[in-house]
Amino acid sequence: MIPASPDGSASGGGGARSVWHRFRALMRQYLWLWIAYQTVKGSLTLCLIWLPIWWAYQG
């Protein structure tokens, strides 16, 4: 039988609902990693770009 058969009897099927559940599981798993990444990126941008520009403007 073809793995993506319409009757869903073969493994690997599941359709859009299965894809949505996997997507939600990945979002839960990586949410805090994404938040930490954005925090580090924002801190580095502030320290390496915006503060030197501000200091140069003030001086």
C-alpha atoms as a PDB file:
ATOM      1  CA  MET A   1       0.000   0.000   0.000  1.00  0.00           C
ATOM      2  CA  ILE A   2       1.125   3.550  -0.691  1.00  0.00           C
ATOM      3  CA  PRO A   3       2.221   5.337   2.520  1.00  0.00           C
ATOM      4  CA  ALA A   4       0.026   8.387   1.889  1.00  0.00           C
ATOM      5  CA  SER A   5      -3.100   6.447   1.004  1.00  0.00           C
ATOM      6  CA  PRO A   6      -6.435   8.256   1.487  1.00  0.00           C
ATOM      7  CA  ASP A   7      -7.828   5.679   3.923  1.00  0.00           C
ATOM      8  CA  GLY A   8      -5.115   6.552   6.461  1.00  0.00           C
ATOM      9  CA  SER A   9      -4.382   2.923   7.298  1.00  0.00           C
ATOM     10  CA  ALA A  10      -0.690   3.176   6.463  1.00  0.00           C
ATOM     11  CA  SER A  11       1.822   4.796   8.776  1.00  0.00           C
ATOM     12  CA  GLY A  12       3.038   8.273   7.950  1.00  0.00           C
ATOM     13  CA  GLY A  13      -0.423   9.643   7.235  1.00  0.00           C
ATOM     14  CA  GLY A  14      -2.404  11.940   9.438  1.00  0.00           C
ATOM     15  CA  GLY A  15      -2.963  14.949   7.272  1.00  0.00           C
ATOM     16  CA  ALA A  16      -3.108  18.574   8.256  1.00  0.00           C
ATOM     17  CA  ARG A  17      -4.141  17.894  11.835  1.00  0.00           C
ATOM     18  CA  SER A  18      -0.971  15.887  12.480  1.00  0.00           C
ATOM     19  CA  VAL A  19       1.146  18.614  10.906  1.00  0.00           C
ATOM     20  CA  TRP A  20      -0.536  21.220  13.130  1.00  0.00           C
ATOM     21  CA  HIS A  21       0.119  19.170  16.274  1.00  0.00           C
ATOM     22  CA  ARG A  22       3.763  18.694  15.358  1.00  0.00           C
ATOM     23  CA  PHE A  23       4.100  22.421  14.664  1.00  0.00           C
ATOM     24  CA  ARG A  24       2.585  23.293  18.060  1.00  0.00           C
ATOM     25  CA  ALA A  25       4.901  20.844  19.806  1.00  0.00           C
ATOM     26  CA  LEU A  26       7.920  22.443  18.134  1.00  0.00           C
ATOM     27  CA  MET A  27       6.699  25.902  19.102  1.00  0.00           C
ATOM     28  CA  ARG A  28       6.396  24.860  22.746  1.00  0.00           C
ATOM     29  CA  GLN A  29       9.799  23.226  22.669  1.00  0.00           C
ATOM     30  CA  TYR A  30      11.675  26.137  21.132  1.00  0.00           C
ATOM     31  CA  LEU A  31       9.777  29.157  22.498  1.00  0.00           C
ATOM     32  CA  TRP A  32      12.205  29.855  25.344  1.00  0.00           C
ATOM     33  CA  LEU A  33      15.197  29.248  23.095  1.00  0.00           C
ATOM     34  CA  TRP A  34      13.834  31.867  20.683  1.00  0.00           C
ATOM     35  CA  ILE A  35      13.228  34.319  23.544  1.00  0.00           C
ATOM     36  CA  ALA A  36      16.785  33.828  24.815  1.00  0.00           C
ATOM     37  CA  TYR A  37      18.167  34.343  21.290  1.00  0.00           C
ATOM     38  CA  GLN A  38      16.222  37.583  20.856  1.00  0.00           C
ATOM     39  CA  THR A  39      17.425  38.823  24.257  1.00  0.00           C
ATOM     40  CA  VAL A  40      21.072  38.186  23.429  1.00  0.00           C
ATOM     41  CA  LYS A  41      20.688  39.689  19.966  1.00  0.00           C
ATOM     42  CA  GLY A  42      19.031  42.813  21.347  1.00  0.00           C
ATOM     43  CA  SER A  43      21.659  43.243  24.055  1.00  0.00           C
ATOM     44  CA  LEU A  44      24.507  42.922  21.582  1.00  0.00           C
ATOM     45  CA  THR A  45      22.853  45.349  19.176  1.00  0.00           C
ATOM     46  CA  LEU A  46      22.407  47.868  21.967  1.00  0.00           C
ATOM     47  CA  CYS A  47      25.985  47.528  23.223  1.00  0.00           C
ATOM     48  CA  LEU A  48      27.806  47.282  19.910  1.00  0.00           C
ATOM     49  CA  ILE A  49      25.751  49.620  17.716  1.00  0.00           C
ATOM     50  CA  TRP A  50      23.436  52.012  19.538  1.00  0.00           C
ATOM     51  CA  LEU A  51      25.582  52.946  22.544  1.00  0.00           C
ATOM     52  CA  PRO A  52      28.661  53.806  20.415  1.00  0.00           C
ATOM     53  CA  ILE A  53      26.468  55.921  18.132  1.00  0.00           C
ATOM     54  CA  TRP A  54      24.988  57.684  21.146  1.00  0.00           C
ATOM     55  CA  TRP A  55      28.420  58.240  22.713  1.00  0.00           C
ATOM     56  CA  ALA A  56      29.766  59.637  19.431  1.00  0.00           C
ATOM     57  CA  TYR A  57      26.796  61.999  19.171  1.00  0.00           C
ATOM     58  CA  GLN A  58      27.220  63.186  22.754  1.00  0.00           C
ATOM     59  CA  GLY A  59      30.931  63.838  22.385  1.00  0.00           C
END
